Amino acid sequence: MIEMIPSEFQLSQNSPNPFSERTVIKFCLPCKSRVRVDIVHAESGFVRCLKDEEKEAGTFEIELDARGMLEGSYLCVFQVGDFMATKRMTLKR
């Protein structure tokens, strides 16, 4: 099976959302790029960096393990060079 190369940078909504323990974050890169994915608590700020590395073009998934995180709203911040995208995520216990 041939993997299709995405035509643009893209951050998809996490799934499931809302989530309780784990959720999956999917992103696409049209070319080899340095990518950073951060999780930010909507009220208290930065929580953790999930990815900060160079990746080949393609579609990728990251699993977020939310054990130890507070219930509430979070932002997933996806940054590649000057491109930035965010998605709101809700952690419910």
PDB file of N, CA and C in Angstrom:
ATOM      1  N   MET A   1       0.837  -1.170   0.000  1.00  0.00           N
ATOM      2  CA  MET A   1       0.000   0.000   0.000  1.00  0.00           C
ATOM      3  C   MET A   1       0.891   1.246   0.000  1.00  0.00           C
ATOM      4  N   ILE A   2       0.593   2.197  -0.848  1.00  0.00           N
ATOM      5  CA  ILE A   2       1.364   3.436  -0.959  1.00  0.00           C
ATOM      6  C   ILE A   2       0.735   4.499  -0.077  1.00  0.00           C
ATOM      7  N   GLU A   3       1.577   5.129   0.772  1.00  0.00           N
ATOM      8  CA  GLU A   3       1.077   6.193   1.646  1.00  0.00           C
ATOM      9  C   GLU A   3       1.011   7.487   0.859  1.00  0.00           C
ATOM     10  N   MET A   4      -0.128   8.156   0.944  1.00  0.00           N
ATOM     11  CA  MET A   4      -0.305   9.443   0.275  1.00  0.00           C
ATOM     12  C   MET A   4       0.375  10.527   1.103  1.00  0.00           C
ATOM     13  N   ILE A   5       1.096  11.415   0.439  1.00  0.00           N
ATOM     14  CA  ILE A   5       1.740  12.535   1.106  1.00  0.00           C
ATOM     15  C   ILE A   5       0.726  13.678   1.190  1.00  0.00           C
ATOM     16  N   PRO A   6       0.493  14.215   2.392  1.00  0.00           N
ATOM     17  CA  PRO A   6      -0.456  15.325   2.527  1.00  0.00           C
ATOM     18  C   PRO A   6      -0.010  16.538   1.714  1.00  0.00           C
ATOM     19  N   SER A   7      -0.957  17.382   1.334  1.00  0.00           N
ATOM     20  CA  SER A   7      -0.638  18.571   0.535  1.00  0.00           C
ATOM     21  C   SER A   7      -0.444  19.817   1.390  1.00  0.00           C
ATOM     22  N   GLU A   8      -0.762  19.728   2.699  1.00  0.00           N
ATOM     23  CA  GLU A   8      -0.608  20.887   3.581  1.00  0.00           C
ATOM     24  C   GLU A   8      -0.396  20.432   5.017  1.00  0.00           C
ATOM     25  N   PHE A   9       0.115  21.353   5.850  1.00  0.00           N
ATOM     26  CA  PHE A   9       0.229  21.078   7.276  1.00  0.00           C
ATOM     27  C   PHE A   9      -1.175  21.010   7.845  1.00  0.00           C
ATOM     28  N   GLN A  10      -1.404  20.053   8.736  1.00  0.00           N
ATOM     29  CA  GLN A  10      -2.739  19.915   9.300  1.00  0.00           C
ATOM     30  C   GLN A  10      -2.673  19.278  10.677  1.00  0.00           C
ATOM     31  N   LEU A  11      -3.479  19.804  11.586  1.00  0.00           N
ATOM     32  CA  LEU A  11      -3.693  19.222  12.909  1.00  0.00           C
ATOM     33  C   LEU A  11      -5.155  18.819  12.978  1.00  0.00           C
ATOM     34  N   SER A  12      -5.420  17.549  13.241  1.00  0.00           N
ATOM     35  CA  SER A  12      -6.802  17.069  13.356  1.00  0.00           C
ATOM     36  C   SER A  12      -7.268  17.141  14.801  1.00  0.00           C
ATOM     37  N   GLN A  13      -8.584  17.145  14.993  1.00  0.00           N
ATOM     38  CA  GLN A  13      -9.145  17.127  16.348  1.00  0.00           C
ATOM     39  C   GLN A  13      -8.774  15.809  17.012  1.00  0.00           C
ATOM     40  N   ASN A  14      -8.393  15.874  18.282  1.00  0.00           N
ATOM     41  CA  ASN A  14      -8.061  14.648  19.009  1.00  0.00           C
ATOM     42  C   ASN A  14      -9.283  13.734  19.086  1.00  0.00           C
ATOM     43  N   SER A  15      -9.018  12.451  19.292  1.00  0.00           N
ATOM     44  CA  SER A  15     -10.104  11.486  19.369  1.00  0.00           C
ATOM     45  C   SER A  15      -9.757  10.446  20.437  1.00  0.00           C
ATOM     46  N   PRO A  16     -10.647  10.158  21.382  1.00  0.00           N
ATOM     47  CA  PRO A  16     -11.936  10.817  21.548  1.00  0.00           C
ATOM     48  C   PRO A  16     -11.793  12.197  22.193  1.00  0.00           C
ATOM     49  N   ASN A  17     -12.821  12.979  22.080  1.00  0.00           N
ATOM     50  CA  ASN A  17     -12.887  14.288  22.727  1.00  0.00           C
ATOM     51  C   ASN A  17     -14.340  14.558  23.085  1.00  0.00           C
ATOM     52  N   PRO A  18     -14.690  14.688  24.358  1.00  0.00           N
ATOM     53  CA  PRO A  18     -13.829  14.686  25.532  1.00  0.00           C
ATOM     54  C   PRO A  18     -13.217  13.301  25.789  1.00  0.00           C
ATOM     55  N   PHE A  19     -12.147  13.297  26.595  1.00  0.00           N
ATOM     56  CA  PHE A  19     -11.448  12.058  26.917  1.00  0.00           C
ATOM     57  C   PHE A  19     -11.233  11.976  28.420  1.00  0.00           C
ATOM     58  N   SER A  20     -10.899  10.746  28.907  1.00  0.00           N
ATOM     59  CA  SER A  20     -10.704  10.593  30.348  1.00  0.00           C
ATOM     60  C   SER A  20      -9.280  10.171  30.694  1.00  0.00           C
ATOM     61  N   GLU A  21      -8.682   9.261  29.971  1.00  0.00           N
ATOM     62  CA  GLU A  21      -7.318   8.826  30.287  1.00  0.00           C
ATOM     63  C   GLU A  21      -6.360   8.993  29.115  1.00  0.00           C
ATOM     64  N   ARG A  22      -6.818   8.637  27.939  1.00  0.00           N
ATOM     65  CA  ARG A  22      -5.962   8.698  26.758  1.00  0.00           C
ATOM     66  C   ARG A  22      -6.731   9.267  25.576  1.00  0.00           C
ATOM     67  N   THR A  23      -5.989   9.944  24.708  1.00  0.00           N
ATOM     68  CA  THR A  23      -6.566  10.448  23.476  1.00  0.00           C
ATOM     69  C   THR A  23      -5.476  10.428  22.416  1.00  0.00           C
ATOM     70  N   VAL A  24      -5.873  10.413  21.158  1.00  0.00           N
ATOM     71  CA  VAL A  24      -4.926  10.364  20.049  1.00  0.00           C
ATOM     72  C   VAL A  24      -4.986  11.679  19.276  1.00  0.00           C
ATOM     73  N   ILE A  25      -3.809  12.230  19.005  1.00  0.00           N
ATOM     74  CA  ILE A  25      -3.663  13.470  18.248  1.00  0.00           C
ATOM     75  C   ILE A  25      -3.000  13.118  16.925  1.00  0.00           C
ATOM     76  N   LYS A  26      -3.621  13.547  15.823  1.00  0.00           N
ATOM     77  CA  LYS A  26      -3.137  13.224  14.482  1.00  0.00           C
ATOM     78  C   LYS A  26      -2.720  14.508  13.776  1.00  0.00           C
ATOM     79  N   PHE A  27      -1.575  14.466  13.074  1.00  0.00           N
ATOM     80  CA  PHE A  27      -1.130  15.630  12.304  1.00  0.00           C
ATOM     81  C   PHE A  27      -0.496  15.181  10.997  1.00  0.00           C
ATOM     82  N   CYS A  28      -0.481  16.105  10.019  1.00  0.00           N
ATOM     83  CA  CYS A  28       0.033  15.817   8.682  1.00  0.00           C
ATOM     84  C   CYS A  28       1.117  16.826   8.306  1.00  0.00           C
ATOM     85  N   LEU A  29       2.146  16.323   7.626  1.00  0.00           N
ATOM     86  CA  LEU A  29       3.251  17.148   7.139  1.00  0.00           C
ATOM     87  C   LEU A  29       3.433  16.910   5.650  1.00  0.00           C
ATOM     88  N   PRO A  30       3.414  17.955   4.815  1.00  0.00           N
ATOM     89  CA  PRO A  30       3.598  17.780   3.376  1.00  0.00           C
ATOM     90  C   PRO A  30       5.075  17.628   2.980  1.00  0.00           C
ATOM     91  N   CYS A  31       5.987  17.948   3.890  1.00  0.00           N
ATOM     92  CA  CYS A  31       7.421  17.866   3.603  1.00  0.00           C
ATOM     93  C   CYS A  31       8.165  17.615   4.916  1.00  0.00           C
ATOM     94  N   LYS A  32       9.411  17.193   4.805  1.00  0.00           N
ATOM     95  CA  LYS A  32      10.238  16.989   5.987  1.00  0.00           C
ATOM     96  C   LYS A  32      10.289  18.295   6.768  1.00  0.00           C
ATOM     97  N   SER A  33       9.959  18.233   8.066  1.00  0.00           N
ATOM     98  CA  SER A  33       9.830  19.454   8.865  1.00  0.00           C
ATOM     99  C   SER A  33      10.148  19.169  10.321  1.00  0.00           C
ATOM    100  N   ARG A  34      10.558  20.209  11.023  1.00  0.00           N
ATOM    101  CA  ARG A  34      10.676  20.138  12.482  1.00  0.00           C
ATOM    102  C   ARG A  34       9.307  20.492  13.045  1.00  0.00           C
ATOM    103  N   VAL A  35       8.761  19.610  13.846  1.00  0.00           N
ATOM    104  CA  VAL A  35       7.408  19.787  14.381  1.00  0.00           C
ATOM    105  C   VAL A  35       7.456  19.821  15.903  1.00  0.00           C
ATOM    106  N   ARG A  36       6.610  20.660  16.469  1.00  0.00           N
ATOM    107  CA  ARG A  36       6.462  20.725  17.927  1.00  0.00           C
ATOM    108  C   ARG A  36       4.981  20.652  18.251  1.00  0.00           C
ATOM    109  N   VAL A  37       4.642  19.785  19.198  1.00  0.00           N
ATOM    110  CA  VAL A  37       3.264  19.629  19.659  1.00  0.00           C
ATOM    111  C   VAL A  37       3.275  19.791  21.176  1.00  0.00           C
ATOM    112  N   ASP A  38       2.594  20.841  21.658  1.00  0.00           N
ATOM    113  CA  ASP A  38       2.509  21.127  23.091  1.00  0.00           C
ATOM    114  C   ASP A  38       1.073  21.000  23.567  1.00  0.00           C
ATOM    115  N   ILE A  39       0.920  20.624  24.836  1.00  0.00           N
ATOM    116  CA  ILE A  39      -0.381  20.598  25.489  1.00  0.00           C
ATOM    117  C   ILE A  39      -0.375  21.718  26.518  1.00  0.00           C
ATOM    118  N   VAL A  40      -1.382  22.596  26.438  1.00  0.00           N
ATOM    119  CA  VAL A  40      -1.452  23.777  27.297  1.00  0.00           C
ATOM    120  C   VAL A  40      -2.788  23.774  28.032  1.00  0.00           C
ATOM    121  N   HIS A  41      -2.747  23.877  29.363  1.00  0.00           N
ATOM    122  CA  HIS A  41      -3.978  23.972  30.150  1.00  0.00           C
ATOM    123  C   HIS A  41      -4.567  25.353  29.922  1.00  0.00           C
ATOM    124  N   ALA A  42      -5.850  25.425  29.624  1.00  0.00           N
ATOM    125  CA  ALA A  42      -6.498  26.686  29.251  1.00  0.00           C
ATOM    126  C   ALA A  42      -6.407  27.749  30.343  1.00  0.00           C
ATOM    127  N   GLU A  43      -6.332  27.350  31.611  1.00  0.00           N
ATOM    128  CA  GLU A  43      -6.283  28.324  32.698  1.00  0.00           C
ATOM    129  C   GLU A  43      -4.895  28.520  33.286  1.00  0.00           C
ATOM    130  N   SER A  44      -4.142  27.433  33.448  1.00  0.00           N
ATOM    131  CA  SER A  44      -2.869  27.548  34.156  1.00  0.00           C
ATOM    132  C   SER A  44      -1.637  27.558  33.251  1.00  0.00           C
ATOM    133  N   GLY A  45      -1.803  27.298  31.962  1.00  0.00           N
ATOM    134  CA  GLY A  45      -0.667  27.391  31.042  1.00  0.00           C
ATOM    135  C   GLY A  45      -0.063  26.060  30.645  1.00  0.00           C
ATOM    136  N   PHE A  46       1.206  26.098  30.260  1.00  0.00           N
ATOM    137  CA  PHE A  46       1.926  24.964  29.687  1.00  0.00           C
ATOM    138  C   PHE A  46       1.854  23.727  30.567  1.00  0.00           C
ATOM    139  N   VAL A  47       1.644  22.577  29.947  1.00  0.00           N
ATOM    140  CA  VAL A  47       1.616  21.306  30.657  1.00  0.00           C
ATOM    141  C   VAL A  47       2.767  20.418  30.211  1.00  0.00           C
ATOM    142  N   ARG A  48       2.841  20.122  28.896  1.00  0.00           N
ATOM    143  CA  ARG A  48       3.937  19.273  28.427  1.00  0.00           C
ATOM    144  C   ARG A  48       4.122  19.350  26.919  1.00  0.00           C
ATOM    145  N   CYS A  49       5.330  19.050  26.519  1.00  0.00           N
ATOM    146  CA  CYS A  49       5.668  18.943  25.101  1.00  0.00           C
ATOM    147  C   CYS A  49       5.537  17.471  24.721  1.00  0.00           C
ATOM    148  N   LEU A  50       4.716  17.162  23.715  1.00  0.00           N
ATOM    149  CA  LEU A  50       4.541  15.776  23.269  1.00  0.00           C
ATOM    150  C   LEU A  50       5.518  15.394  22.170  1.00  0.00           C
ATOM    151  N   LYS A  51       5.901  16.365  21.362  1.00  0.00           N
ATOM    152  CA  LYS A  51       6.785  16.080  20.235  1.00  0.00           C
ATOM    153  C   LYS A  51       7.576  17.336  19.916  1.00  0.00           C
ATOM    154  N   ASP A  52       8.867  17.182  19.714  1.00  0.00           N
ATOM    155  CA  ASP A  52       9.737  18.270  19.278  1.00  0.00           C
ATOM    156  C   ASP A  52      10.888  17.633  18.521  1.00  0.00           C
ATOM    157  N   GLU A  53      10.639  17.354  17.243  1.00  0.00           N
ATOM    158  CA  GLU A  53      11.638  16.660  16.445  1.00  0.00           C
ATOM    159  C   GLU A  53      11.361  16.835  14.959  1.00  0.00           C
ATOM    160  N   GLU A  54      12.347  16.501  14.165  1.00  0.00           N
ATOM    161  CA  GLU A  54      12.192  16.551  12.715  1.00  0.00           C
ATOM    162  C   GLU A  54      11.536  15.251  12.257  1.00  0.00           C
ATOM    163  N   LYS A  55      10.546  15.385  11.374  1.00  0.00           N
ATOM    164  CA  LYS A  55       9.816  14.229  10.846  1.00  0.00           C
ATOM    165  C   LYS A  55       9.783  14.310   9.326  1.00  0.00           C
ATOM    166  N   GLU A  56       9.742  13.172   8.689  1.00  0.00           N
ATOM    167  CA  GLU A  56       9.566  13.094   7.241  1.00  0.00           C
ATOM    168  C   GLU A  56       8.135  13.479   6.895  1.00  0.00           C
ATOM    169  N   ALA A  57       7.852  13.734   5.634  1.00  0.00           N
ATOM    170  CA  ALA A  57       6.487  14.006   5.187  1.00  0.00           C
ATOM    171  C   ALA A  57       5.610  12.787   5.483  1.00  0.00           C
ATOM    172  N   GLY A  58       4.354  13.050   5.846  1.00  0.00           N
ATOM    173  CA  GLY A  58       3.428  11.953   6.115  1.00  0.00           C
ATOM    174  C   GLY A  58       2.391  12.327   7.147  1.00  0.00           C
ATOM    175  N   THR A  59       1.663  11.312   7.598  1.00  0.00           N
ATOM    176  CA  THR A  59       0.624  11.466   8.599  1.00  0.00           C
ATOM    177  C   THR A  59       1.052  10.715   9.847  1.00  0.00           C
ATOM    178  N   PHE A  60       0.912  11.358  11.005  1.00  0.00           N
ATOM    179  CA  PHE A  60       1.420  10.803  12.254  1.00  0.00           C
ATOM    180  C   PHE A  60       0.368  10.881  13.348  1.00  0.00           C
ATOM    181  N   GLU A  61       0.492   9.990  14.335  1.00  0.00           N
ATOM    182  CA  GLU A  61      -0.384   9.991  15.496  1.00  0.00           C
ATOM    183  C   GLU A  61       0.459   9.972  16.758  1.00  0.00           C
ATOM    184  N   ILE A  62      -0.009  10.706  17.765  1.00  0.00           N
ATOM    185  CA  ILE A  62       0.618  10.718  19.084  1.00  0.00           C
ATOM    186  C   ILE A  62      -0.463  10.370  20.093  1.00  0.00           C
ATOM    187  N   GLU A  63      -0.158   9.482  21.018  1.00  0.00           N
ATOM    188  CA  GLU A  63      -1.107   9.190  22.088  1.00  0.00           C
ATOM    189  C   GLU A  63      -0.752  10.037  23.304  1.00  0.00           C
ATOM    190  N   LEU A  64      -1.738  10.755  23.836  1.00  0.00           N
ATOM    191  CA  LEU A  64      -1.573  11.543  25.047  1.00  0.00           C
ATOM    192  C   LEU A  64      -2.108  10.735  26.221  1.00  0.00           C
ATOM    193  N   ASP A  65      -1.246  10.445  27.180  1.00  0.00           N
ATOM    194  CA  ASP A  65      -1.633   9.782  28.419  1.00  0.00           C
ATOM    195  C   ASP A  65      -1.911  10.891  29.431  1.00  0.00           C
ATOM    196  N   ALA A  66      -3.152  11.044  29.841  1.00  0.00           N
ATOM    197  CA  ALA A  66      -3.569  12.164  30.680  1.00  0.00           C
ATOM    198  C   ALA A  66      -3.515  11.870  32.176  1.00  0.00           C
ATOM    199  N   ARG A  67      -2.933  10.741  32.564  1.00  0.00           N
ATOM    200  CA  ARG A  67      -2.814  10.475  33.999  1.00  0.00           C
ATOM    201  C   ARG A  67      -2.007  11.598  34.640  1.00  0.00           C
ATOM    202  N   GLY A  68      -2.495  12.103  35.748  1.00  0.00           N
ATOM    203  CA  GLY A  68      -1.807  13.171  36.459  1.00  0.00           C
ATOM    204  C   GLY A  68      -2.189  14.569  35.997  1.00  0.00           C
ATOM    205  N   MET A  69      -2.971  14.669  34.924  1.00  0.00           N
ATOM    206  CA  MET A  69      -3.413  15.975  34.437  1.00  0.00           C
ATOM    207  C   MET A  69      -4.742  16.337  35.096  1.00  0.00           C
ATOM    208  N   LEU A  70      -4.951  17.636  35.313  1.00  0.00           N
ATOM    209  CA  LEU A  70      -6.189  18.121  35.904  1.00  0.00           C
ATOM    210  C   LEU A  70      -7.340  18.066  34.908  1.00  0.00           C
ATOM    211  N   GLU A  71      -8.538  17.812  35.399  1.00  0.00           N
ATOM    212  CA  GLU A  71      -9.728  17.867  34.558  1.00  0.00           C
ATOM    213  C   GLU A  71      -9.896  19.291  34.037  1.00  0.00           C
ATOM    214  N   GLY A  72     -10.388  19.435  32.820  1.00  0.00           N
ATOM    215  CA  GLY A  72     -10.653  20.760  32.290  1.00  0.00           C
ATOM    216  C   GLY A  72     -10.323  20.880  30.817  1.00  0.00           C
ATOM    217  N   SER A  73     -10.223  22.125  30.360  1.00  0.00           N
ATOM    218  CA  SER A  73      -9.964  22.415  28.953  1.00  0.00           C
ATOM    219  C   SER A  73      -8.467  22.584  28.704  1.00  0.00           C
ATOM    220  N   TYR A  74      -8.030  22.037  27.584  1.00  0.00           N
ATOM    221  CA  TYR A  74      -6.642  22.123  27.159  1.00  0.00           C
ATOM    222  C   TYR A  74      -6.596  22.557  25.705  1.00  0.00           C
ATOM    223  N   LEU A  75      -5.466  23.076  25.301  1.00  0.00           N
ATOM    224  CA  LEU A  75      -5.208  23.355  23.899  1.00  0.00           C
ATOM    225  C   LEU A  75      -4.066  22.470  23.443  1.00  0.00           C
ATOM    226  N   CYS A  76      -4.230  21.901  22.271  1.00  0.00           N
ATOM    227  CA  CYS A  76      -3.138  21.205  21.605  1.00  0.00           C
ATOM    228  C   CYS A  76      -2.563  22.217  20.618  1.00  0.00           C
ATOM    229  N   VAL A  77      -1.296  22.572  20.782  1.00  0.00           N
ATOM    230  CA  VAL A  77      -0.654  23.580  19.935  1.00  0.00           C
ATOM    231  C   VAL A  77       0.345  22.879  19.028  1.00  0.00           C
ATOM    232  N   PHE A  78       0.121  22.995  17.729  1.00  0.00           N
ATOM    233  CA  PHE A  78       0.931  22.351  16.688  1.00  0.00           C
ATOM    234  C   PHE A  78       1.691  23.443  15.957  1.00  0.00           C
ATOM    235  N   GLN A  79       3.024  23.337  15.935  1.00  0.00           N
ATOM    236  CA  GLN A  79       3.821  24.376  15.288  1.00  0.00           C
ATOM    237  C   GLN A  79       4.882  23.756  14.394  1.00  0.00           C
ATOM    238  N   VAL A  80       4.918  24.272  13.154  1.00  0.00           N
ATOM    239  CA  VAL A  80       5.924  23.891  12.170  1.00  0.00           C
ATOM    240  C   VAL A  80       6.395  25.185  11.515  1.00  0.00           C
ATOM    241  N   GLY A  81       7.602  25.629  11.835  1.00  0.00           N
ATOM    242  CA  GLY A  81       8.090  26.896  11.297  1.00  0.00           C
ATOM    243  C   GLY A  81       7.139  28.023  11.663  1.00  0.00           C
ATOM    244  N   ASP A  82       6.668  28.769  10.663  1.00  0.00           N
ATOM    245  CA  ASP A  82       5.729  29.869  10.895  1.00  0.00           C
ATOM    246  C   ASP A  82       4.272  29.414  10.977  1.00  0.00           C
ATOM    247  N   PHE A  83       4.008  28.147  10.672  1.00  0.00           N
ATOM    248  CA  PHE A  83       2.642  27.622  10.712  1.00  0.00           C
ATOM    249  C   PHE A  83       2.295  27.193  12.133  1.00  0.00           C
ATOM    250  N   MET A  84       1.103  27.580  12.598  1.00  0.00           N
ATOM    251  CA  MET A  84       0.628  27.163  13.913  1.00  0.00           C
ATOM    252  C   MET A  84      -0.859  26.862  13.836  1.00  0.00           C
ATOM    253  N   ALA A  85      -1.268  25.798  14.507  1.00  0.00           N
ATOM    254  CA  ALA A  85      -2.678  25.436  14.604  1.00  0.00           C
ATOM    255  C   ALA A  85      -2.960  24.981  16.027  1.00  0.00           C
ATOM    256  N   THR A  86      -4.181  25.200  16.494  1.00  0.00           N
ATOM    257  CA  THR A  86      -4.577  24.756  17.823  1.00  0.00           C
ATOM    258  C   THR A  86      -5.922  24.044  17.753  1.00  0.00           C
ATOM    259  N   LYS A  87      -6.112  23.117  18.669  1.00  0.00           N
ATOM    260  CA  LYS A  87      -7.390  22.423  18.841  1.00  0.00           C
ATOM    261  C   LYS A  87      -7.692  22.381  20.324  1.00  0.00           C
ATOM    262  N   ARG A  88      -8.947  22.614  20.671  1.00  0.00           N
ATOM    263  CA  ARG A  88      -9.380  22.555  22.069  1.00  0.00           C
ATOM    264  C   ARG A  88      -9.722  21.102  22.421  1.00  0.00           C
ATOM    265  N   MET A  89      -9.254  20.668  23.586  1.00  0.00           N
ATOM    266  CA  MET A  89      -9.505  19.326  24.066  1.00  0.00           C
ATOM    267  C   MET A  89     -10.096  19.410  25.473  1.00  0.00           C
ATOM    268  N   THR A  90     -10.956  18.470  25.828  1.00  0.00           N
ATOM    269  CA  THR A  90     -11.582  18.473  27.142  1.00  0.00           C
ATOM    270  C   THR A  90     -11.286  17.168  27.862  1.00  0.00           C
ATOM    271  N   LEU A  91     -10.669  17.289  29.038  1.00  0.00           N
ATOM    272  CA  LEU A  91     -10.371  16.146  29.883  1.00  0.00           C
ATOM    273  C   LEU A  91     -11.428  16.053  30.973  1.00  0.00           C
ATOM    274  N   LYS A  92     -12.148  14.929  30.998  1.00  0.00           N
ATOM    275  CA  LYS A  92     -13.193  14.697  32.002  1.00  0.00           C
ATOM    276  C   LYS A  92     -12.871  13.400  32.739  1.00  0.00           C
ATOM    277  N   ARG A  93     -13.005  13.434  34.019  1.00  0.00           N
ATOM    278  CA  ARG A  93     -12.742  12.232  34.839  1.00  0.00           C
ATOM    279  C   ARG A  93     -14.019  11.476  35.113  1.00  0.00           C
TER     280      ARG A  93
END
